[in-house]
Every structure is written in structure tokens, then in C-alpha cells.
Amino acid sequence: MTPPHLPWTRDTVSAALPTDDARSWLDEALTDAAQASPTWELRFAAAGRHCGNDHADAVRALLLVEATSGIDTLNRLYQHGSAAERRAVLRALPALVEGPHAVHLVEDALRSNDTRLIAAAVGPYAAAHLDPHAWRHAVLKCLFTGVPLDAVANLPQRAAGDGELARMLTDYAAERTAAGREVPDDLGRVLTLTGEEPKEL
């Protein structure tokens, strides 16, 4: 069964792994996590080495859910983890944290310039729990850093009728134009979602 808001299942991740050794390692790691074995957090850190970097985010997120990680564990793994480990924490938040108790992790990721970390930060948890001011700035951060706005969960719903977001987008476009810089294509799309018509951006 897929935990809420996780786009992967154990079966789909296992099937995507490149070797039988990787699949065996995943089975053992998930068992360790379910049993709260002292080794599961070491396996969380080692996921890329055993399963490949392309699959590490999914493997780590599954481990976090299997371990039913609480906010203290998520805080620790995020604060002491690599960028890849932080991405997994962010992606697992909707399945593990009810309410806004982990918003500070999203806000921390949004202060970085790591585009993959930013993309992970603007997923379903941010859509549900970032306040309007912080969410608008997250959208601007995506535009500024080149993160495609398709990464922003529930963008049409949250942008709809948001006049302040429209103002911020228009101001940003004007600044780019005045500086002779290109306006991101995504800006016109999200501006339309707010109900405003783009005007030669």
C-alpha cells in the first residue's frame, strides 16, 4: 500500500532497482526500519551507495515511512544529512507529519540555492502548510532559481485569485525586463492562474 502523498511503493521501487543485491538490501533495510533497529538510520544514509543515486530519494522516503519517523527523528536526519538525505525528509513529510510542525524544514530548504532541494520543498506538505506570504515567496524562489513550477504542488488551487501573488509576479517581470534579462516562461502561466492576464512579459 502506498502511504499518503508518497509517489512510490515498495514494489515499484524494488522493481526499478538495477540488481538483485540492491533489492535484497532494500528488503533488509525496510525490515530494520520497521523494527526500529539501531542500524536503520545508517542504511538511510547509505541508500545511494547500495541502490544507486537515481533511486536513493525513493528508498530513503520509504525507510522514513516504514520507521514511522517522528518530528525529532526528521529534524535530526535533516539537520545532519546531505542534500540528498534532506530531499528525502522533505518528500516524506506529507506521509509523516500532520499539521505545520515541520514547516521550518521547508523554510530552511527554500533558503538554499540547491534546485533539487527547492523542488522537494514545494511539494504537497508546503502546499498544505506554508502560509500565503511564505508560499508566494516559494513560487518566486522557483522562478528565480529556474525550478520548473510543475514542482509546486497544488499550484492552480493556491494561485487562484491571489492578487498579491499577481503583483509580486508583475513586479518581478518588470525588474527582469528593466535589467535586460529574460522573463521565465513559467511566470506568465502562473500569472494567468491568479486571474491576471500577462501583458507582454
C-alpha atoms as a PDB file:
ATOM      1  CA  MET A   1       0.000   0.000   0.000  1.00  0.00           C
ATOM      2  CA  THR A   2       1.278   3.481  -0.845  1.00  0.00           C
ATOM      3  CA  PRO A   3       1.462   5.855   2.142  1.00  0.00           C
ATOM      4  CA  PRO A   4      -0.416   9.130   1.603  1.00  0.00           C
ATOM      5  CA  HIS A   5       1.436  11.556  -0.683  1.00  0.00           C
ATOM      6  CA  LEU A   6       4.297   9.167  -1.495  1.00  0.00           C
ATOM      7  CA  PRO A   7       4.533   8.590  -5.243  1.00  0.00           C
ATOM      8  CA  TRP A   8       6.406   5.299  -4.764  1.00  0.00           C
ATOM      9  CA  THR A   9       5.526   1.878  -3.392  1.00  0.00           C
ATOM     10  CA  ARG A  10       7.892  -0.765  -2.123  1.00  0.00           C
ATOM     11  CA  ASP A  11       7.083  -2.892  -5.163  1.00  0.00           C
ATOM     12  CA  THR A  12       7.685  -0.171  -7.743  1.00  0.00           C
ATOM     13  CA  VAL A  13      10.946   0.901  -6.138  1.00  0.00           C
ATOM     14  CA  SER A  14      12.168  -2.685  -5.821  1.00  0.00           C
ATOM     15  CA  ALA A  15      11.316  -3.383  -9.472  1.00  0.00           C
ATOM     16  CA  ALA A  16      13.280  -0.324 -10.576  1.00  0.00           C
ATOM     17  CA  LEU A  17      16.465  -1.262  -8.732  1.00  0.00           C
ATOM     18  CA  PRO A  18      19.281  -2.406 -11.012  1.00  0.00           C
ATOM     19  CA  THR A  19      20.446  -5.592  -9.255  1.00  0.00           C
ATOM     20  CA  ASP A  20      19.244  -8.427  -7.035  1.00  0.00           C
ATOM     21  CA  ASP A  21      21.762  -7.286  -4.425  1.00  0.00           C
ATOM     22  CA  ALA A  22      20.114  -3.863  -4.324  1.00  0.00           C
ATOM     23  CA  ARG A  23      16.676  -5.438  -3.950  1.00  0.00           C
ATOM     24  CA  SER A  24      17.896  -7.638  -1.111  1.00  0.00           C
ATOM     25  CA  TRP A  25      19.484  -4.632   0.568  1.00  0.00           C
ATOM     26  CA  LEU A  26      16.190  -2.723   0.295  1.00  0.00           C
ATOM     27  CA  ASP A  27      14.239  -5.594   1.872  1.00  0.00           C
ATOM     28  CA  GLU A  28      16.695  -5.787   4.764  1.00  0.00           C
ATOM     29  CA  ALA A  29      16.726  -2.011   5.218  1.00  0.00           C
ATOM     30  CA  LEU A  30      12.919  -1.792   5.325  1.00  0.00           C
ATOM     31  CA  THR A  31      12.821  -4.617   7.865  1.00  0.00           C
ATOM     32  CA  ASP A  32      15.358  -2.783  10.018  1.00  0.00           C
ATOM     33  CA  ALA A  33      13.294   0.398   9.795  1.00  0.00           C
ATOM     34  CA  ALA A  34      10.045  -1.366  10.690  1.00  0.00           C
ATOM     35  CA  GLN A  35      11.729  -2.945  13.721  1.00  0.00           C
ATOM     36  CA  ALA A  36      13.398   0.338  14.736  1.00  0.00           C
ATOM     37  CA  SER A  37      16.768  -1.398  14.547  1.00  0.00           C
ATOM     38  CA  PRO A  38      19.715   0.842  15.508  1.00  0.00           C
ATOM     39  CA  THR A  39      21.112   0.266  12.005  1.00  0.00           C
ATOM     40  CA  TRP A  40      18.203   1.702  10.015  1.00  0.00           C
ATOM     41  CA  GLU A  41      19.468   5.286  10.125  1.00  0.00           C
ATOM     42  CA  LEU A  42      22.852   4.100   8.839  1.00  0.00           C
ATOM     43  CA  ARG A  43      21.017   2.419   5.993  1.00  0.00           C
ATOM     44  CA  PHE A  44      19.140   5.670   5.344  1.00  0.00           C
ATOM     45  CA  ALA A  45      22.470   7.418   4.799  1.00  0.00           C
ATOM     46  CA  ALA A  46      23.858   4.567   2.670  1.00  0.00           C
ATOM     47  CA  ALA A  47      20.889   4.224   0.300  1.00  0.00           C
ATOM     48  CA  GLY A  48      22.628   5.875  -2.651  1.00  0.00           C
ATOM     49  CA  ARG A  49      25.648   3.614  -2.407  1.00  0.00           C
ATOM     50  CA  HIS A  50      23.565   0.413  -2.365  1.00  0.00           C
ATOM     51  CA  CYS A  51      20.598   1.315  -4.569  1.00  0.00           C
ATOM     52  CA  GLY A  52      22.023   3.976  -6.872  1.00  0.00           C
ATOM     53  CA  ASN A  53      21.607   7.732  -6.700  1.00  0.00           C
ATOM     54  CA  ASP A  54      18.669   7.668  -9.108  1.00  0.00           C
ATOM     55  CA  HIS A  55      16.646   5.603  -6.630  1.00  0.00           C
ATOM     56  CA  ALA A  56      18.002   6.909  -3.335  1.00  0.00           C
ATOM     57  CA  ASP A  57      15.300   9.543  -2.738  1.00  0.00           C
ATOM     58  CA  ALA A  58      12.543   6.959  -3.073  1.00  0.00           C
ATOM     59  CA  VAL A  59      14.355   4.382  -0.949  1.00  0.00           C
ATOM     60  CA  ARG A  60      15.037   6.888   1.817  1.00  0.00           C
ATOM     61  CA  ALA A  61      11.455   8.152   1.848  1.00  0.00           C
ATOM     62  CA  LEU A  62      10.170   4.578   2.133  1.00  0.00           C
ATOM     63  CA  LEU A  63      12.553   3.959   5.044  1.00  0.00           C
ATOM     64  CA  LEU A  64      11.298   7.058   6.860  1.00  0.00           C
ATOM     65  CA  VAL A  65       7.695   5.961   6.477  1.00  0.00           C
ATOM     66  CA  GLU A  66       8.439   2.360   7.424  1.00  0.00           C
ATOM     67  CA  ALA A  67      10.111   3.612  10.606  1.00  0.00           C
ATOM     68  CA  THR A  68       7.124   5.910  11.300  1.00  0.00           C
ATOM     69  CA  SER A  69       9.658   8.653  11.920  1.00  0.00           C
ATOM     70  CA  GLY A  70       8.527  11.377  14.289  1.00  0.00           C
ATOM     71  CA  ILE A  71       9.413  15.035  14.134  1.00  0.00           C
ATOM     72  CA  ASP A  72      12.512  14.639  16.332  1.00  0.00           C
ATOM     73  CA  THR A  73      13.947  11.986  14.016  1.00  0.00           C
ATOM     74  CA  LEU A  74      13.078  14.014  10.924  1.00  0.00           C
ATOM     75  CA  ASN A  75      14.722  17.097  12.400  1.00  0.00           C
ATOM     76  CA  ARG A  76      17.894  15.172  13.234  1.00  0.00           C
ATOM     77  CA  LEU A  77      18.176  13.455   9.854  1.00  0.00           C
ATOM     78  CA  TYR A  78      17.548  16.724   8.036  1.00  0.00           C
ATOM     79  CA  GLN A  79      19.938  18.848  10.087  1.00  0.00           C
ATOM     80  CA  HIS A  80      22.792  16.332   9.901  1.00  0.00           C
ATOM     81  CA  GLY A  81      22.078  14.946   6.437  1.00  0.00           C
ATOM     82  CA  SER A  82      23.463  15.592   2.997  1.00  0.00           C
ATOM     83  CA  ALA A  83      21.369  17.462   0.429  1.00  0.00           C
ATOM     84  CA  ALA A  84      20.144  14.104  -0.884  1.00  0.00           C
ATOM     85  CA  GLU A  85      19.108  12.983   2.605  1.00  0.00           C
ATOM     86  CA  ARG A  86      17.339  16.304   3.180  1.00  0.00           C
ATOM     87  CA  ARG A  87      15.361  15.837  -0.031  1.00  0.00           C
ATOM     88  CA  ALA A  88      14.070  12.504   1.200  1.00  0.00           C
ATOM     89  CA  VAL A  89      12.977  14.020   4.508  1.00  0.00           C
ATOM     90  CA  LEU A  90      11.080  16.765   2.675  1.00  0.00           C
ATOM     91  CA  ARG A  91       9.367  14.292   0.361  1.00  0.00           C
ATOM     92  CA  ALA A  92       8.277  12.087   3.244  1.00  0.00           C
ATOM     93  CA  LEU A  93       6.751  14.929   5.311  1.00  0.00           C
ATOM     94  CA  PRO A  94       3.175  14.645   3.997  1.00  0.00           C
ATOM     95  CA  ALA A  95       3.067  10.979   4.977  1.00  0.00           C
ATOM     96  CA  LEU A  96       4.537  11.516   8.440  1.00  0.00           C
ATOM     97  CA  VAL A  97       3.643  14.929   9.856  1.00  0.00           C
ATOM     98  CA  GLU A  98       0.120  16.168  10.469  1.00  0.00           C
ATOM     99  CA  GLY A  99      -0.061  19.907  10.853  1.00  0.00           C
ATOM    100  CA  PRO A 100       2.577  22.597  10.415  1.00  0.00           C
ATOM    101  CA  HIS A 101       5.170  21.193  12.833  1.00  0.00           C
ATOM    102  CA  ALA A 102       7.778  20.650  10.087  1.00  0.00           C
ATOM    103  CA  VAL A 103       7.320  23.933   8.203  1.00  0.00           C
ATOM    104  CA  HIS A 104      10.714  25.080   9.497  1.00  0.00           C
ATOM    105  CA  LEU A 105      12.360  22.325   7.407  1.00  0.00           C
ATOM    106  CA  VAL A 106      10.611  23.548   4.259  1.00  0.00           C
ATOM    107  CA  GLU A 107      11.623  27.124   5.042  1.00  0.00           C
ATOM    108  CA  ASP A 108      15.237  26.068   5.545  1.00  0.00           C
ATOM    109  CA  ALA A 109      15.300  24.297   2.180  1.00  0.00           C
ATOM    110  CA  LEU A 110      13.818  27.345   0.480  1.00  0.00           C
ATOM    111  CA  ARG A 111      16.714  29.458   1.762  1.00  0.00           C
ATOM    112  CA  SER A 112      19.158  27.287  -0.176  1.00  0.00           C
ATOM    113  CA  ASN A 113      20.127  27.608  -3.824  1.00  0.00           C
ATOM    114  CA  ASP A 114      20.044  23.848  -4.415  1.00  0.00           C
ATOM    115  CA  THR A 115      17.377  23.485  -7.105  1.00  0.00           C
ATOM    116  CA  ARG A 116      16.625  19.835  -6.323  1.00  0.00           C
ATOM    117  CA  LEU A 117      16.177  20.672  -2.655  1.00  0.00           C
ATOM    118  CA  ILE A 118      13.890  23.593  -3.511  1.00  0.00           C
ATOM    119  CA  ALA A 119      11.825  21.356  -5.802  1.00  0.00           C
ATOM    120  CA  ALA A 120      11.400  18.835  -2.978  1.00  0.00           C
ATOM    121  CA  ALA A 121      10.435  21.615  -0.567  1.00  0.00           C
ATOM    122  CA  VAL A 122       7.482  22.865  -2.633  1.00  0.00           C
ATOM    123  CA  GLY A 123       5.644  19.554  -2.657  1.00  0.00           C
ATOM    124  CA  PRO A 124       2.315  18.615  -1.008  1.00  0.00           C
ATOM    125  CA  TYR A 125       3.442  19.448   2.531  1.00  0.00           C
ATOM    126  CA  ALA A 126       4.302  23.031   1.576  1.00  0.00           C
ATOM    127  CA  ALA A 127       1.036  23.348  -0.354  1.00  0.00           C
ATOM    128  CA  ALA A 128      -0.894  22.331   2.745  1.00  0.00           C
ATOM    129  CA  HIS A 129       1.011  24.212   5.436  1.00  0.00           C
ATOM    130  CA  LEU A 130       3.001  27.212   4.171  1.00  0.00           C
ATOM    131  CA  ASP A 131       1.225  30.458   4.980  1.00  0.00           C
ATOM    132  CA  PRO A 132       0.312  32.678   1.994  1.00  0.00           C
ATOM    133  CA  HIS A 133       3.307  35.009   2.408  1.00  0.00           C
ATOM    134  CA  ALA A 134       5.844  32.177   2.590  1.00  0.00           C
ATOM    135  CA  TRP A 135       4.152  30.262  -0.225  1.00  0.00           C
ATOM    136  CA  ARG A 136       4.256  33.266  -2.575  1.00  0.00           C
ATOM    137  CA  HIS A 137       7.954  33.699  -1.883  1.00  0.00           C
ATOM    138  CA  ALA A 138       8.471  29.985  -2.570  1.00  0.00           C
ATOM    139  CA  VAL A 139       6.917  30.456  -6.016  1.00  0.00           C
ATOM    140  CA  LEU A 140       9.224  33.433  -6.649  1.00  0.00           C
ATOM    141  CA  LYS A 141      12.198  31.402  -5.446  1.00  0.00           C
ATOM    142  CA  CYS A 142      11.378  28.723  -8.014  1.00  0.00           C
ATOM    143  CA  LEU A 143      11.251  31.318 -10.779  1.00  0.00           C
ATOM    144  CA  PHE A 144      14.487  32.939  -9.596  1.00  0.00           C
ATOM    145  CA  THR A 145      16.418  29.661  -9.425  1.00  0.00           C
ATOM    146  CA  GLY A 146      14.926  28.033 -12.516  1.00  0.00           C
ATOM    147  CA  VAL A 147      12.945  25.323 -10.736  1.00  0.00           C
ATOM    148  CA  PRO A 148      10.010  24.409 -13.028  1.00  0.00           C
ATOM    149  CA  LEU A 149       6.710  25.438 -11.465  1.00  0.00           C
ATOM    150  CA  ASP A 150       5.363  21.972 -12.189  1.00  0.00           C
ATOM    151  CA  ALA A 151       7.211  21.070  -8.972  1.00  0.00           C
ATOM    152  CA  VAL A 152       4.876  23.310  -6.933  1.00  0.00           C
ATOM    153  CA  ALA A 153       2.088  21.116  -5.587  1.00  0.00           C
ATOM    154  CA  ASN A 154      -1.472  22.441  -5.885  1.00  0.00           C
ATOM    155  CA  LEU A 155      -0.254  25.498  -7.777  1.00  0.00           C
ATOM    156  CA  PRO A 156      -3.548  26.188  -9.611  1.00  0.00           C
ATOM    157  CA  GLN A 157      -5.584  25.981  -6.408  1.00  0.00           C
ATOM    158  CA  ARG A 158      -3.315  28.161  -4.319  1.00  0.00           C
ATOM    159  CA  ALA A 159      -2.623  30.729  -7.033  1.00  0.00           C
ATOM    160  CA  ALA A 160      -6.290  31.184  -7.986  1.00  0.00           C
ATOM    161  CA  GLY A 161      -7.449  34.742  -7.268  1.00  0.00           C
ATOM    162  CA  ASP A 162      -4.230  35.621  -5.421  1.00  0.00           C
ATOM    163  CA  GLY A 163      -3.881  39.314  -6.216  1.00  0.00           C
ATOM    164  CA  GLU A 164      -0.774  39.733  -4.067  1.00  0.00           C
ATOM    165  CA  LEU A 165       0.986  36.941  -5.925  1.00  0.00           C
ATOM    166  CA  ALA A 166      -0.024  38.603  -9.209  1.00  0.00           C
ATOM    167  CA  ARG A 167       1.510  41.878  -8.019  1.00  0.00           C
ATOM    168  CA  MET A 168       4.743  40.175  -6.986  1.00  0.00           C
ATOM    169  CA  LEU A 169       4.995  38.354 -10.315  1.00  0.00           C
ATOM    170  CA  THR A 170       4.363  41.539 -12.275  1.00  0.00           C
ATOM    171  CA  ASP A 171       6.982  43.430 -10.263  1.00  0.00           C
ATOM    172  CA  TYR A 172       9.497  40.623 -10.763  1.00  0.00           C
ATOM    173  CA  ALA A 173       8.844  40.570 -14.510  1.00  0.00           C
ATOM    174  CA  ALA A 174       9.282  44.355 -14.686  1.00  0.00           C
ATOM    175  CA  GLU A 175      12.604  44.131 -12.826  1.00  0.00           C
ATOM    176  CA  ARG A 176      13.876  41.433 -15.194  1.00  0.00           C
ATOM    177  CA  THR A 177      12.788  43.397 -18.250  1.00  0.00           C
ATOM    178  CA  ALA A 178      14.359  46.630 -16.981  1.00  0.00           C
ATOM    179  CA  ALA A 179      17.629  44.789 -16.449  1.00  0.00           C
ATOM    180  CA  GLY A 180      17.520  43.367 -19.961  1.00  0.00           C
ATOM    181  CA  ARG A 181      17.040  39.855 -18.669  1.00  0.00           C
ATOM    182  CA  GLU A 182      14.652  37.200 -19.939  1.00  0.00           C
ATOM    183  CA  VAL A 183      11.356  36.656 -18.080  1.00  0.00           C
ATOM    184  CA  PRO A 184      10.832  32.960 -17.244  1.00  0.00           C
ATOM    185  CA  ASP A 185       8.143  31.299 -19.352  1.00  0.00           C
ATOM    186  CA  ASP A 186       6.525  29.872 -16.217  1.00  0.00           C
ATOM    187  CA  LEU A 187       5.823  33.365 -14.909  1.00  0.00           C
ATOM    188  CA  GLY A 188       3.139  34.105 -17.474  1.00  0.00           C
ATOM    189  CA  ARG A 189       1.500  30.759 -16.802  1.00  0.00           C
ATOM    190  CA  VAL A 190       1.229  31.280 -13.050  1.00  0.00           C
ATOM    191  CA  LEU A 191       0.139  34.880 -13.541  1.00  0.00           C
ATOM    192  CA  THR A 192      -2.762  33.588 -15.626  1.00  0.00           C
ATOM    193  CA  LEU A 193      -3.647  31.204 -12.793  1.00  0.00           C
ATOM    194  CA  THR A 194      -4.057  34.170 -10.449  1.00  0.00           C
ATOM    195  CA  GLY A 195      -6.700  35.592 -12.776  1.00  0.00           C
ATOM    196  CA  GLU A 196      -4.475  38.300 -14.243  1.00  0.00           C
ATOM    197  CA  GLU A 197      -3.651  38.435 -17.939  1.00  0.00           C
ATOM    198  CA  PRO A 198       0.062  38.625 -18.795  1.00  0.00           C
ATOM    199  CA  LYS A 199       0.874  41.889 -20.585  1.00  0.00           C
ATOM    200  CA  GLU A 200       3.875  41.463 -22.863  1.00  0.00           C
ATOM    201  CA  LEU A 201       6.040  39.999 -20.135  1.00  0.00           C
END
